[in-house]
C-alpha atoms as a PDB file:
ATOM      1  CA  MET A   1     212.791  56.192   0.384  1.00  0.00           C
ATOM      2  CA  ILE A   2     209.160  56.535   1.386  1.00  0.00           C
ATOM      3  CA  ALA A   3     206.662  56.696  -1.466  1.00  0.00           C
ATOM      4  CA  ASP A   4     202.952  56.350  -2.114  1.00  0.00           C
ATOM      5  CA  ARG A   5     201.479  53.242  -3.765  1.00  0.00           C
ATOM      6  CA  GLY A   6     202.099  54.585  -7.242  1.00  0.00           C
ATOM      7  CA  GLY A   7     205.738  55.212  -6.490  1.00  0.00           C
ATOM      8  CA  ARG A   8     205.327  58.967  -6.783  1.00  0.00           C
ATOM      9  CA  HIS A   9     206.284  61.746  -4.390  1.00  0.00           C
ATOM     10  CA  ALA A  10     209.190  59.782  -2.963  1.00  0.00           C
ATOM     11  CA  VAL A  11     210.583  61.381   0.176  1.00  0.00           C
ATOM     12  CA  PRO A  12     214.089  60.438   1.345  1.00  0.00           C
ATOM     13  CA  LEU A  13     214.135  59.020   4.842  1.00  0.00           C
ATOM     14  CA  SER A  14     217.050  61.332   5.660  1.00  0.00           C
ATOM     15  CA  ALA A  15     214.817  64.339   4.922  1.00  0.00           C
ATOM     16  CA  LEU A  16     212.179  63.064   7.345  1.00  0.00           C
ATOM     17  CA  LEU A  17     214.814  62.462  10.006  1.00  0.00           C
ATOM     18  CA  ALA A  18     216.208  65.976   9.485  1.00  0.00           C
ATOM     19  CA  ALA A  19     212.724  67.442   9.937  1.00  0.00           C
ATOM     20  CA  LEU A  20     211.933  65.314  12.992  1.00  0.00           C
ATOM     21  CA  PRO A  21     213.258  67.758  15.648  1.00  0.00           C
ATOM     22  CA  THR A  22     211.227  70.567  14.084  1.00  0.00           C
ATOM     23  CA  LEU A  23     208.097  68.431  13.953  1.00  0.00           C
ATOM     24  CA  VAL A  24     208.547  67.392  17.582  1.00  0.00           C
ATOM     25  CA  GLY A  25     209.004  71.012  18.623  1.00  0.00           C
ATOM     26  CA  VAL A  26     205.935  72.140  16.714  1.00  0.00           C
ATOM     27  CA  GLY A  27     203.906  69.299  18.173  1.00  0.00           C
ATOM     28  CA  TYR A  28     204.980  70.189  21.706  1.00  0.00           C
ATOM     29  CA  ALA A  29     204.172  73.875  21.118  1.00  0.00           C
ATOM     30  CA  VAL A  30     200.702  72.994  19.821  1.00  0.00           C
ATOM     31  CA  ALA A  31     200.045  70.713  22.779  1.00  0.00           C
ATOM     32  CA  ALA A  32     201.259  73.332  25.292  1.00  0.00           C
ATOM     33  CA  ALA A  33     199.308  76.140  23.634  1.00  0.00           C
ATOM     34  CA  THR A  34     196.077  74.137  23.706  1.00  0.00           C
ATOM     35  CA  GLY A  35     196.417  73.006  27.317  1.00  0.00           C
ATOM     36  CA  LEU A  36     197.191  69.356  26.680  1.00  0.00           C
ATOM     37  CA  ILE A  37     200.564  69.433  28.461  1.00  0.00           C
ATOM     38  CA  GLY A  38     202.723  71.777  30.484  1.00  0.00           C
ATOM     39  CA  ASP A  39     201.984  74.367  33.145  1.00  0.00           C
ATOM     40  CA  GLY A  40     198.358  75.366  33.278  1.00  0.00           C
ATOM     41  CA  GLY A  41     197.296  72.422  31.141  1.00  0.00           C
ATOM     42  CA  ARG A  42     193.747  71.328  31.974  1.00  0.00           C
ATOM     43  CA  GLY A  43     192.761  69.565  28.785  1.00  0.00           C
ATOM     44  CA  PHE A  44     192.279  70.647  25.221  1.00  0.00           C
ATOM     45  CA  SER A  45     191.027  74.207  24.877  1.00  0.00           C
ATOM     46  CA  LEU A  46     191.482  77.078  22.451  1.00  0.00           C
ATOM     47  CA  ASP A  47     190.642  79.677  25.095  1.00  0.00           C
ATOM     48  CA  ARG A  48     194.294  80.479  25.715  1.00  0.00           C
ATOM     49  CA  THR A  49     194.961  80.992  22.002  1.00  0.00           C
ATOM     50  CA  ALA A  50     191.908  83.224  21.652  1.00  0.00           C
ATOM     51  CA  HIS A  51     192.940  85.231  24.725  1.00  0.00           C
ATOM     52  CA  VAL A  52     196.494  85.830  23.454  1.00  0.00           C
ATOM     53  CA  LEU A  53     195.372  86.762  19.960  1.00  0.00           C
ATOM     54  CA  ALA A  54     192.903  89.256  21.402  1.00  0.00           C
ATOM     55  CA  GLU A  55     195.602  91.187  23.281  1.00  0.00           C
ATOM     56  CA  HIS A  56     196.450  94.601  21.876  1.00  0.00           C
ATOM     57  CA  VAL A  57     200.066  94.325  23.042  1.00  0.00           C
ATOM     58  CA  VAL A  58     200.542  91.167  20.967  1.00  0.00           C
ATOM     59  CA  TRP A  59     199.337  92.795  17.743  1.00  0.00           C
ATOM     60  CA  ARG A  60     201.424  95.919  18.349  1.00  0.00           C
ATOM     61  CA  GLY A  61     204.497  93.771  18.905  1.00  0.00           C
ATOM     62  CA  LEU A  62     203.702  91.671  15.842  1.00  0.00           C
ATOM     63  CA  PHE A  63     203.301  94.683  13.548  1.00  0.00           C
ATOM     64  CA  TRP A  64     206.499  96.248  14.930  1.00  0.00           C
ATOM     65  CA  THR A  65     208.370  93.000  14.330  1.00  0.00           C
ATOM     66  CA  LEU A  66     207.100  92.586  10.777  1.00  0.00           C
ATOM     67  CA  GLY A  67     207.645  96.252   9.911  1.00  0.00           C
ATOM     68  CA  THR A  68     211.210  96.438  11.161  1.00  0.00           C
ATOM     69  CA  ALA A  69     212.087  93.061   9.623  1.00  0.00           C
ATOM     70  CA  ALA A  70     210.723  94.209   6.266  1.00  0.00           C
ATOM     71  CA  ALA A  71     212.582  97.534   6.482  1.00  0.00           C
ATOM     72  CA  ALA A  72     215.913  95.925   7.434  1.00  0.00           C
ATOM     73  CA  THR A  73     215.532  93.269   4.725  1.00  0.00           C
ATOM     74  CA  ALA A  74     214.694  95.867   2.065  1.00  0.00           C
ATOM     75  CA  LEU A  75     217.660  98.012   3.099  1.00  0.00           C
ATOM     76  CA  ALA A  76     220.050  95.050   3.034  1.00  0.00           C
ATOM     77  CA  THR A  77     218.689  93.890  -0.330  1.00  0.00           C
ATOM     78  CA  ALA A  78     219.069  97.330  -1.911  1.00  0.00           C
ATOM     79  CA  GLY A  79     222.606  97.627  -0.582  1.00  0.00           C
ATOM     80  CA  ALA A  80     223.541  94.166  -1.831  1.00  0.00           C
ATOM     81  CA  VAL A  81     222.240  94.873  -5.346  1.00  0.00           C
ATOM     82  CA  LEU A  82     224.004  98.252  -5.439  1.00  0.00           C
ATOM     83  CA  LEU A  83     227.317  96.728  -4.327  1.00  0.00           C
ATOM     84  CA  ALA A  84     227.059  93.825  -6.752  1.00  0.00           C
ATOM     85  CA  VAL A  85     226.332  96.085  -9.723  1.00  0.00           C
ATOM     86  CA  THR A  86     228.931  98.710  -8.802  1.00  0.00           C
ATOM     87  CA  PHE A  87     231.867  96.469  -7.843  1.00  0.00           C
ATOM     88  CA  ARG A  88     231.616  93.613 -10.299  1.00  0.00           C
ATOM     89  CA  GLY A  89     234.887  94.168 -12.130  1.00  0.00           C
ATOM     90  CA  THR A  90     238.166  92.317 -11.836  1.00  0.00           C
ATOM     91  CA  GLY A  91     240.307  95.231 -10.699  1.00  0.00           C
ATOM     92  CA  ALA A  92     241.987  95.501  -7.316  1.00  0.00           C
ATOM     93  CA  ALA A  93     239.524  98.157  -6.110  1.00  0.00           C
ATOM     94  CA  ASP A  94     236.529  95.971  -7.011  1.00  0.00           C
ATOM     95  CA  ARG A  95     238.029  92.932  -5.296  1.00  0.00           C
ATOM     96  CA  ALA A  96     238.798  94.974  -2.178  1.00  0.00           C
ATOM     97  CA  ALA A  97     235.252  96.393  -2.120  1.00  0.00           C
ATOM     98  CA  ARG A  98     233.757  92.897  -2.388  1.00  0.00           C
ATOM     99  CA  ALA A  99     235.974  91.647   0.420  1.00  0.00           C
ATOM    100  CA  LEU A 100     234.965  94.555   2.661  1.00  0.00           C
ATOM    101  CA  ALA A 101     231.286  94.029   1.821  1.00  0.00           C
ATOM    102  CA  VAL A 102     231.278  90.450   3.119  1.00  0.00           C
ATOM    103  CA  LEU A 103     233.592  91.097   6.070  1.00  0.00           C
ATOM    104  CA  PRO A 104     230.788  91.699   8.643  1.00  0.00           C
ATOM    105  CA  MET A 105     229.524  88.159   8.007  1.00  0.00           C
ATOM    106  CA  ALA A 106     231.992  86.926  10.634  1.00  0.00           C
ATOM    107  CA  VAL A 107     230.649  89.305  13.300  1.00  0.00           C
ATOM    108  CA  PRO A 108     228.167  87.647  15.712  1.00  0.00           C
ATOM    109  CA  HIS A 109     224.745  89.298  15.843  1.00  0.00           C
ATOM    110  CA  LEU A 110     225.096  90.073  19.535  1.00  0.00           C
ATOM    111  CA  VAL A 111     228.396  91.841  18.907  1.00  0.00           C
ATOM    112  CA  ALA A 112     226.882  93.785  15.996  1.00  0.00           C
ATOM    113  CA  ALA A 113     223.998  94.931  18.205  1.00  0.00           C
ATOM    114  CA  ALA A 114     226.416  96.004  20.951  1.00  0.00           C
ATOM    115  CA  VAL A 115     228.477  97.974  18.413  1.00  0.00           C
ATOM    116  CA  PHE A 116     225.391  99.880  17.293  1.00  0.00           C
ATOM    117  CA  VAL A 117     224.480 100.654  20.908  1.00  0.00           C
ATOM    118  CA  LEU A 118     227.925 102.214  21.346  1.00  0.00           C
ATOM    119  CA  LEU A 119     227.693 103.976  17.993  1.00  0.00           C
ATOM    120  CA  LEU A 120     224.128 105.330  17.946  1.00  0.00           C
ATOM    121  CA  GLY A 121     223.323 105.827  21.624  1.00  0.00           C
ATOM    122  CA  GLN A 122     222.606 109.357  22.836  1.00  0.00           C
ATOM    123  CA  SER A 123     225.979 109.288  24.577  1.00  0.00           C
ATOM    124  CA  GLY A 124     227.635 107.117  21.942  1.00  0.00           C
ATOM    125  CA  PHE A 125     230.451 107.713  19.483  1.00  0.00           C
ATOM    126  CA  LEU A 126     228.295 109.456  16.872  1.00  0.00           C
ATOM    127  CA  ALA A 127     226.738 111.842  19.397  1.00  0.00           C
ATOM    128  CA  ARG A 128     230.144 112.715  20.813  1.00  0.00           C
ATOM    129  CA  ALA A 129     231.602 113.248  17.337  1.00  0.00           C
ATOM    130  CA  LEU A 130     228.747 115.596  16.378  1.00  0.00           C
ATOM    131  CA  TYR A 131     229.221 117.504  19.622  1.00  0.00           C
ATOM    132  CA  ALA A 132     232.979 117.769  19.075  1.00  0.00           C
ATOM    133  CA  ALA A 133     232.348 119.078  15.553  1.00  0.00           C
ATOM    134  CA  GLY A 134     229.957 121.728  16.891  1.00  0.00           C
ATOM    135  CA  ILE A 135     226.949 120.246  15.089  1.00  0.00           C
ATOM    136  CA  ALA A 136     225.138 119.144  18.253  1.00  0.00           C
ATOM    137  CA  ARG A 137     224.624 121.362  21.298  1.00  0.00           C
ATOM    138  CA  ALA A 138     225.332 118.460  23.645  1.00  0.00           C
ATOM    139  CA  PRO A 139     225.881 114.724  23.269  1.00  0.00           C
ATOM    140  CA  ASP A 140     222.448 113.986  24.757  1.00  0.00           C
ATOM    141  CA  SER A 141     220.744 116.183  22.144  1.00  0.00           C
ATOM    142  CA  MET A 142     221.244 113.367  19.634  1.00  0.00           C
ATOM    143  CA  PRO A 143     217.850 112.018  18.457  1.00  0.00           C
ATOM    144  CA  ALA A 144     217.018 108.635  19.963  1.00  0.00           C
ATOM    145  CA  LEU A 145     218.116 106.030  17.426  1.00  0.00           C
ATOM    146  CA  ILE A 146     217.993 103.032  19.755  1.00  0.00           C
ATOM    147  CA  TYR A 147     215.099 101.963  21.977  1.00  0.00           C
ATOM    148  CA  ASP A 148     212.916 104.247  19.825  1.00  0.00           C
ATOM    149  CA  PRO A 149     209.409 103.129  18.769  1.00  0.00           C
ATOM    150  CA  TRP A 150     210.442 103.107  15.103  1.00  0.00           C
ATOM    151  CA  GLY A 151     213.315 100.699  15.713  1.00  0.00           C
ATOM    152  CA  THR A 152     215.832 102.814  13.812  1.00  0.00           C
ATOM    153  CA  GLY A 153     218.929 101.324  15.413  1.00  0.00           C
ATOM    154  CA  PHE A 154     217.507  97.821  15.194  1.00  0.00           C
ATOM    155  CA  VAL A 155     216.826  98.205  11.462  1.00  0.00           C
ATOM    156  CA  LEU A 156     220.262  99.680  10.738  1.00  0.00           C
ATOM    157  CA  ALA A 157     222.096  97.043  12.773  1.00  0.00           C
ATOM    158  CA  LEU A 158     220.301  94.074  11.203  1.00  0.00           C
ATOM    159  CA  ALA A 159     220.553  95.549   7.700  1.00  0.00           C
ATOM    160  CA  TRP A 160     224.316  95.973   8.154  1.00  0.00           C
ATOM    161  CA  LYS A 161     224.667  92.458   9.569  1.00  0.00           C
ATOM    162  CA  GLU A 162     222.660  90.759   6.804  1.00  0.00           C
ATOM    163  CA  LEU A 163     224.141  92.833   3.976  1.00  0.00           C
ATOM    164  CA  PRO A 164     227.184  90.531   3.542  1.00  0.00           C
ATOM    165  CA  PHE A 165     225.021  87.425   3.113  1.00  0.00           C
ATOM    166  CA  LEU A 166     222.859  88.975   0.402  1.00  0.00           C
ATOM    167  CA  SER A 167     225.875  90.656  -1.193  1.00  0.00           C
ATOM    168  CA  LEU A 168     227.666  87.329  -1.497  1.00  0.00           C
ATOM    169  CA  LEU A 169     224.632  85.863  -3.252  1.00  0.00           C
ATOM    170  CA  ALA A 170     224.378  88.841  -5.587  1.00  0.00           C
ATOM    171  CA  PHE A 171     228.117  88.820  -6.396  1.00  0.00           C
ATOM    172  CA  THR A 172     227.946  85.111  -7.215  1.00  0.00           C
ATOM    173  CA  ILE A 173     224.889  85.461  -9.443  1.00  0.00           C
ATOM    174  CA  LEU A 174     226.408  88.230 -11.532  1.00  0.00           C
ATOM    175  CA  ALA A 175     229.771  86.467 -11.769  1.00  0.00           C
ATOM    176  CA  THR A 176     228.264  83.193 -12.984  1.00  0.00           C
ATOM    177  CA  ARG A 177     225.225  84.264 -14.997  1.00  0.00           C
ATOM    178  CA  GLY A 178     225.252  87.987 -15.605  1.00  0.00           C
ATOM    179  CA  SER A 179     227.810  88.877 -18.245  1.00  0.00           C
ATOM    180  CA  GLN A 180     226.585  86.732 -21.120  1.00  0.00           C
ATOM    181  CA  LEU A 181     222.925  87.752 -20.813  1.00  0.00           C
ATOM    182  CA  GLU A 182     223.793  91.435 -20.436  1.00  0.00           C
ATOM    183  CA  GLU A 183     226.148  91.360 -23.413  1.00  0.00           C
ATOM    184  CA  THR A 184     223.411  89.759 -25.489  1.00  0.00           C
ATOM    185  CA  ALA A 185     220.969  92.500 -24.489  1.00  0.00           C
ATOM    186  CA  ARG A 186     223.512  95.219 -25.337  1.00  0.00           C
ATOM    187  CA  SER A 187     224.247  93.623 -28.705  1.00  0.00           C
ATOM    188  CA  LEU A 188     220.546  93.870 -29.481  1.00  0.00           C
ATOM    189  CA  GLY A 189     220.643  97.614 -28.853  1.00  0.00           C
ATOM    190  CA  ALA A 190     219.430  97.850 -25.255  1.00  0.00           C
ATOM    191  CA  ALA A 191     220.517 100.962 -23.343  1.00  0.00           C
ATOM    192  CA  PRO A 192     222.332 100.566 -19.998  1.00  0.00           C
ATOM    193  CA  GLY A 193     219.211 101.430 -18.007  1.00  0.00           C
ATOM    194  CA  GLU A 194     217.123  98.987 -20.000  1.00  0.00           C
ATOM    195  CA  VAL A 195     219.726  96.255 -19.543  1.00  0.00           C
ATOM    196  CA  PHE A 196     219.529  96.692 -15.786  1.00  0.00           C
ATOM    197  CA  ARG A 197     215.737  96.840 -15.736  1.00  0.00           C
ATOM    198  CA  ARG A 198     215.071  93.938 -18.078  1.00  0.00           C
ATOM    199  CA  VAL A 199     218.073  91.648 -17.486  1.00  0.00           C
ATOM    200  CA  THR A 200     220.227  92.441 -14.447  1.00  0.00           C
ATOM    201  CA  TRP A 201     217.531  93.194 -11.877  1.00  0.00           C
ATOM    202  CA  PRO A 202     215.195  90.259 -12.748  1.00  0.00           C
ATOM    203  CA  MET A 203     218.161  87.887 -12.750  1.00  0.00           C
ATOM    204  CA  LEU A 204     219.389  89.173  -9.393  1.00  0.00           C
ATOM    205  CA  TRP A 205     215.931  89.159  -7.842  1.00  0.00           C
ATOM    206  CA  ARG A 206     215.212  85.564  -8.822  1.00  0.00           C
ATOM    207  CA  GLY A 207     218.596  84.497  -7.518  1.00  0.00           C
ATOM    208  CA  ILE A 208     218.578  86.249  -4.161  1.00  0.00           C
ATOM    209  CA  LEU A 209     214.867  85.830  -3.366  1.00  0.00           C
ATOM    210  CA  PRO A 210     215.413  82.691  -1.226  1.00  0.00           C
ATOM    211  CA  GLY A 211     218.096  84.597   0.691  1.00  0.00           C
ATOM    212  CA  VAL A 212     215.785  87.585   1.116  1.00  0.00           C
ATOM    213  CA  ILE A 213     213.083  85.328   2.583  1.00  0.00           C
ATOM    214  CA  ALA A 214     215.618  83.716   4.922  1.00  0.00           C
ATOM    215  CA  VAL A 215     216.880  87.126   6.085  1.00  0.00           C
ATOM    216  CA  PHE A 216     213.343  88.401   6.718  1.00  0.00           C
ATOM    217  CA  VAL A 217     212.411  85.338   8.774  1.00  0.00           C
ATOM    218  CA  PHE A 218     215.675  85.473  10.719  1.00  0.00           C
ATOM    219  CA  ILE A 219     215.294  89.172  11.563  1.00  0.00           C
ATOM    220  CA  ALA A 220     211.659  88.693  12.604  1.00  0.00           C
ATOM    221  CA  GLY A 221     212.801  86.044  15.075  1.00  0.00           C
ATOM    222  CA  SER A 222     215.996  87.766  16.221  1.00  0.00           C
ATOM    223  CA  TYR A 223     216.293  87.917  20.007  1.00  0.00           C
ATOM    224  CA  GLU A 224     219.885  89.086  20.507  1.00  0.00           C
ATOM    225  CA  ALA A 225     219.570  92.330  18.552  1.00  0.00           C
ATOM    226  CA  ALA A 226     216.067  93.019  19.859  1.00  0.00           C
ATOM    227  CA  VAL A 227     217.069  92.706  23.508  1.00  0.00           C
ATOM    228  CA  LEU A 228     219.810  95.323  23.026  1.00  0.00           C
ATOM    229  CA  LEU A 229     218.235  97.706  20.506  1.00  0.00           C
ATOM    230  CA  ALA A 230     214.454  97.381  20.516  1.00  0.00           C
ATOM    231  CA  PRO A 231     212.025  99.458  22.609  1.00  0.00           C
ATOM    232  CA  SER A 232     209.988  98.086  25.480  1.00  0.00           C
ATOM    233  CA  ASN A 233     206.840  99.586  24.011  1.00  0.00           C
ATOM    234  CA  PRO A 234     205.872  98.056  21.688  1.00  0.00           C
ATOM    235  CA  LEU A 235     207.635  94.883  22.730  1.00  0.00           C
ATOM    236  CA  PRO A 236     208.946  92.826  19.772  1.00  0.00           C
ATOM    237  CA  LEU A 237     207.487  89.365  19.332  1.00  0.00           C
ATOM    238  CA  PRO A 238     210.666  87.453  20.387  1.00  0.00           C
ATOM    239  CA  LEU A 239     210.957  89.517  23.592  1.00  0.00           C
ATOM    240  CA  LEU A 240     207.254  89.173  24.320  1.00  0.00           C
ATOM    241  CA  THR A 241     207.537  85.419  23.890  1.00  0.00           C
ATOM    242  CA  PHE A 242     210.471  85.235  26.294  1.00  0.00           C
ATOM    243  CA  GLU A 243     208.679  87.484  28.787  1.00  0.00           C
ATOM    244  CA  ARG A 244     205.616  85.238  28.842  1.00  0.00           C
ATOM    245  CA  TYR A 245     207.705  82.081  29.154  1.00  0.00           C
ATOM    246  CA  THR A 246     209.685  83.418  32.138  1.00  0.00           C
ATOM    247  CA  ASP A 247     206.703  85.061  33.862  1.00  0.00           C
ATOM    248  CA  PRO A 248     206.532  84.053  37.568  1.00  0.00           C
ATOM    249  CA  ASP A 249     202.853  83.299  37.013  1.00  0.00           C
ATOM    250  CA  LEU A 250     203.058  79.826  35.493  1.00  0.00           C
ATOM    251  CA  GLU A 251     199.511  80.211  34.202  1.00  0.00           C
ATOM    252  CA  ARG A 252     200.901  82.597  31.575  1.00  0.00           C
ATOM    253  CA  ARG A 253     203.552  80.211  30.271  1.00  0.00           C
ATOM    254  CA  PRO A 254     201.231  78.669  27.641  1.00  0.00           C
ATOM    255  CA  ASP A 255     200.988  82.192  26.149  1.00  0.00           C
ATOM    256  CA  ALA A 256     204.599  81.805  25.046  1.00  0.00           C
ATOM    257  CA  PHE A 257     203.780  78.700  23.033  1.00  0.00           C
ATOM    258  CA  VAL A 258     200.912  80.495  21.323  1.00  0.00           C
ATOM    259  CA  LEU A 259     203.365  83.230  20.344  1.00  0.00           C
ATOM    260  CA  VAL A 260     205.829  80.594  19.127  1.00  0.00           C
ATOM    261  CA  LEU A 261     203.118  79.296  16.807  1.00  0.00           C
ATOM    262  CA  VAL A 262     202.471  82.854  15.603  1.00  0.00           C
ATOM    263  CA  GLY A 263     206.152  83.141  14.708  1.00  0.00           C
ATOM    264  CA  LEU A 264     205.999  79.783  12.971  1.00  0.00           C
ATOM    265  CA  ALA A 265     202.987  80.976  10.969  1.00  0.00           C
ATOM    266  CA  ILE A 266     204.974  84.041   9.842  1.00  0.00           C
ATOM    267  CA  SER A 267     207.829  81.828   8.654  1.00  0.00           C
ATOM    268  CA  ALA A 268     205.466  79.455   6.873  1.00  0.00           C
ATOM    269  CA  ALA A 269     203.695  82.371   5.166  1.00  0.00           C
ATOM    270  CA  ALA A 270     207.027  83.790   3.972  1.00  0.00           C
ATOM    271  CA  VAL A 271     208.091  80.422   2.542  1.00  0.00           C
ATOM    272  CA  ALA A 272     204.683  79.968   0.896  1.00  0.00           C
ATOM    273  CA  ALA A 273     204.978  83.432  -0.679  1.00  0.00           C
ATOM    274  CA  HIS A 274     208.369  82.483  -2.087  1.00  0.00           C
ATOM    275  CA  GLU A 275     207.056  79.222  -3.522  1.00  0.00           C
ATOM    276  CA  TRP A 276     204.113  81.063  -5.074  1.00  0.00           C
ATOM    277  CA  ALA A 277     206.414  83.631  -6.673  1.00  0.00           C
ATOM    278  CA  ARG A 278     208.742  80.899  -7.954  1.00  0.00           C
ATOM    279  CA  SER A 279     205.898  78.862  -9.435  1.00  0.00           C
ATOM    280  CA  ARG A 280     204.561  81.935 -11.228  1.00  0.00           C
ATOM    281  CA  GLN A 281     208.015  82.647 -12.625  1.00  0.00           C
ATOM    282  CA  GLU A 282     208.493  79.052 -13.768  1.00  0.00           C
ATOM    283  CA  SER A 283     205.085  78.989 -15.451  1.00  0.00           C
ATOM    284  CA  PHE A 284     205.860  82.284 -17.179  1.00  0.00           C
ATOM    285  CA  GLU A 285     209.225  81.035 -18.457  1.00  0.00           C
ATOM    286  CA  ALA A 286     207.660  77.771 -19.642  1.00  0.00           C
END
């Protein structure tokens, strides 16, 4: 244990050791971004950071990344809540539905992205099925759902891939905490809609919020799905970071570390938002 002089705020040494690789990585990224070490390093300077943050392509990629991550997370969250509320019984059909809902959890993200390329591409399975059914004039008349500026395929693929994780959380919350509180609300005369609005949804939201934050941060930093499904204009933040790091001009390599710190700031902001929401909820309940 490491504690201050008053013995408060004790921090287990194991926690510090677990965080050490992250702290070393962040420290290296800061040093490389400010020119202290690495290619192009000529001493401490914030010029590189200011130059990267002034680039229009960086802000377009950042907004695309945040927008698609938010859309995929919202879609996965809505699907998880719907599945948990609909298939919460003990019957065989409910058990089968829950098993199918969490089945994609075992699929690697790269495989999931490849499946959606084959499914949603303009010459993919869906386009060919619509053509065979006479709905589409030709397979290539299918609207672009991958590599499109809106990131449609990217959002759908990541929402489908993260749905099992959030569904498992939602199923567990309702199975362990839901029935008693809902029965109490119904015994007090609450209608089904009011039970969901005042009991089920708040309980689910508080329970899955950490998972929602984790999914959002993961999707925002996803490289595998972005490299297969995302457009080249705007270029998502993970792809832009990789592009700058592998640029033949070594003078641009520090740009990648600036972008790494931008991604870290996004993650830290998401965690801070969760802690703020949790503290407000705890103070309200107290």
